[in-house]
Amino acid sequence: MNCTAYDRSAAHQCRDRRADPEMDKHAGNFCEYFEFVKRKFTPPKSDGTREAAARDQMRKLFGD
């Protein structure tokens, strides 16, 4: 699932026609054409209200 050729809409969920079909993608397996997907990490956006509420609960709990 972390391969550049992984595609849910393709046959056997792989765009690489040379690769053998792998049925159990969640288990450890081997494909000689595997290459990690290069993704840029983007942290989830938060408006701060959830974080502020959690901090307030911690202050109330510990008496700060």
C-alpha atoms as a PDB file:
ATOM      1  CA  MET A   1       0.000   0.000   0.000  1.00  0.00           C
ATOM      2  CA  ASN A   2       3.030   2.308   0.299  1.00  0.00           C
ATOM      3  CA  CYS A   3       4.177   1.606  -3.248  1.00  0.00           C
ATOM      4  CA  THR A   4       4.186   4.161  -6.063  1.00  0.00           C
ATOM      5  CA  ALA A   5       2.337   1.640  -8.267  1.00  0.00           C
ATOM      6  CA  TYR A   6      -0.492   1.054  -5.743  1.00  0.00           C
ATOM      7  CA  ASP A   7      -3.844   2.061  -7.197  1.00  0.00           C
ATOM      8  CA  ARG A   8      -7.167   0.910  -5.747  1.00  0.00           C
ATOM      9  CA  SER A   9      -8.889   1.224  -9.121  1.00  0.00           C
ATOM     10  CA  ALA A  10      -6.309  -0.851 -11.074  1.00  0.00           C
ATOM     11  CA  ALA A  11      -6.360  -4.611 -11.577  1.00  0.00           C
ATOM     12  CA  HIS A  12      -5.041  -6.340  -8.429  1.00  0.00           C
ATOM     13  CA  GLN A  13      -4.574  -2.775  -7.090  1.00  0.00           C
ATOM     14  CA  CYS A  14      -1.241  -2.389  -8.908  1.00  0.00           C
ATOM     15  CA  ARG A  15      -0.444  -0.278 -11.986  1.00  0.00           C
ATOM     16  CA  ASP A  16       2.807  -2.162 -12.666  1.00  0.00           C
ATOM     17  CA  ARG A  17       2.000  -4.918 -15.167  1.00  0.00           C
ATOM     18  CA  ARG A  18       5.261  -6.788 -14.485  1.00  0.00           C
ATOM     19  CA  ALA A  19       4.445  -7.445 -10.823  1.00  0.00           C
ATOM     20  CA  ASP A  20       2.786 -10.661  -9.660  1.00  0.00           C
ATOM     21  CA  PRO A  21      -0.596 -10.165  -7.972  1.00  0.00           C
ATOM     22  CA  GLU A  22      -0.375  -9.953  -4.171  1.00  0.00           C
ATOM     23  CA  MET A  23      -3.621 -10.908  -2.471  1.00  0.00           C
ATOM     24  CA  ASP A  24      -2.819 -10.003   1.152  1.00  0.00           C
ATOM     25  CA  LYS A  25      -1.428  -6.462   1.043  1.00  0.00           C
ATOM     26  CA  HIS A  26      -1.594  -5.965   4.817  1.00  0.00           C
ATOM     27  CA  ALA A  27       0.854  -8.815   5.524  1.00  0.00           C
ATOM     28  CA  GLY A  28       4.558  -8.727   4.815  1.00  0.00           C
ATOM     29  CA  ASN A  29       5.227  -9.519   1.190  1.00  0.00           C
ATOM     30  CA  PHE A  30       7.900  -9.028  -1.452  1.00  0.00           C
ATOM     31  CA  CYS A  31       7.740  -7.332  -4.829  1.00  0.00           C
ATOM     32  CA  GLU A  32      10.915  -6.628  -6.758  1.00  0.00           C
ATOM     33  CA  TYR A  33       9.297  -3.517  -8.298  1.00  0.00           C
ATOM     34  CA  PHE A  34       8.335  -1.949  -4.965  1.00  0.00           C
ATOM     35  CA  GLU A  35       9.278   1.686  -4.458  1.00  0.00           C
ATOM     36  CA  PHE A  36       8.161   3.824  -1.509  1.00  0.00           C
ATOM     37  CA  VAL A  37       5.768   6.649  -2.211  1.00  0.00           C
ATOM     38  CA  LYS A  38       7.333  10.041  -1.591  1.00  0.00           C
ATOM     39  CA  ARG A  39       4.805  12.166   0.293  1.00  0.00           C
ATOM     40  CA  LYS A  40       5.211  15.464   2.052  1.00  0.00           C
ATOM     41  CA  PHE A  41       4.037  15.453   5.674  1.00  0.00           C
ATOM     42  CA  THR A  42       1.364  18.017   6.429  1.00  0.00           C
ATOM     43  CA  PRO A  43       0.227  18.213  10.037  1.00  0.00           C
ATOM     44  CA  PRO A  44      -3.524  18.298  10.600  1.00  0.00           C
ATOM     45  CA  LYS A  45      -4.991  21.772  10.818  1.00  0.00           C
ATOM     46  CA  SER A  46      -6.519  22.696  14.119  1.00  0.00           C
ATOM     47  CA  ASP A  47      -8.355  25.810  15.090  1.00  0.00           C
ATOM     48  CA  GLY A  48      -7.010  25.543  18.640  1.00  0.00           C
ATOM     49  CA  THR A  49     -10.366  25.157  20.347  1.00  0.00           C
ATOM     50  CA  ARG A  50      -9.872  21.449  20.996  1.00  0.00           C
ATOM     51  CA  GLU A  51      -6.367  22.010  22.300  1.00  0.00           C
ATOM     52  CA  ALA A  52      -7.501  24.892  24.490  1.00  0.00           C
ATOM     53  CA  ALA A  53     -10.350  22.777  25.926  1.00  0.00           C
ATOM     54  CA  ALA A  54      -7.938  19.947  26.727  1.00  0.00           C
ATOM     55  CA  ARG A  55      -5.519  22.360  28.428  1.00  0.00           C
ATOM     56  CA  ASP A  56      -8.367  23.820  30.498  1.00  0.00           C
ATOM     57  CA  GLN A  57      -9.403  20.332  31.615  1.00  0.00           C
ATOM     58  CA  MET A  58      -5.819  19.558  32.635  1.00  0.00           C
ATOM     59  CA  ARG A  59      -5.592  22.812  34.614  1.00  0.00           C
ATOM     60  CA  LYS A  60      -8.842  21.977  36.402  1.00  0.00           C
ATOM     61  CA  LEU A  61      -7.675  18.454  37.105  1.00  0.00           C
ATOM     62  CA  PHE A  62      -4.304  19.446  38.569  1.00  0.00           C
ATOM     63  CA  GLY A  63      -5.451  22.736  40.135  1.00  0.00           C
ATOM     64  CA  ASP A  64      -3.216  25.074  38.168  1.00  0.00           C
END
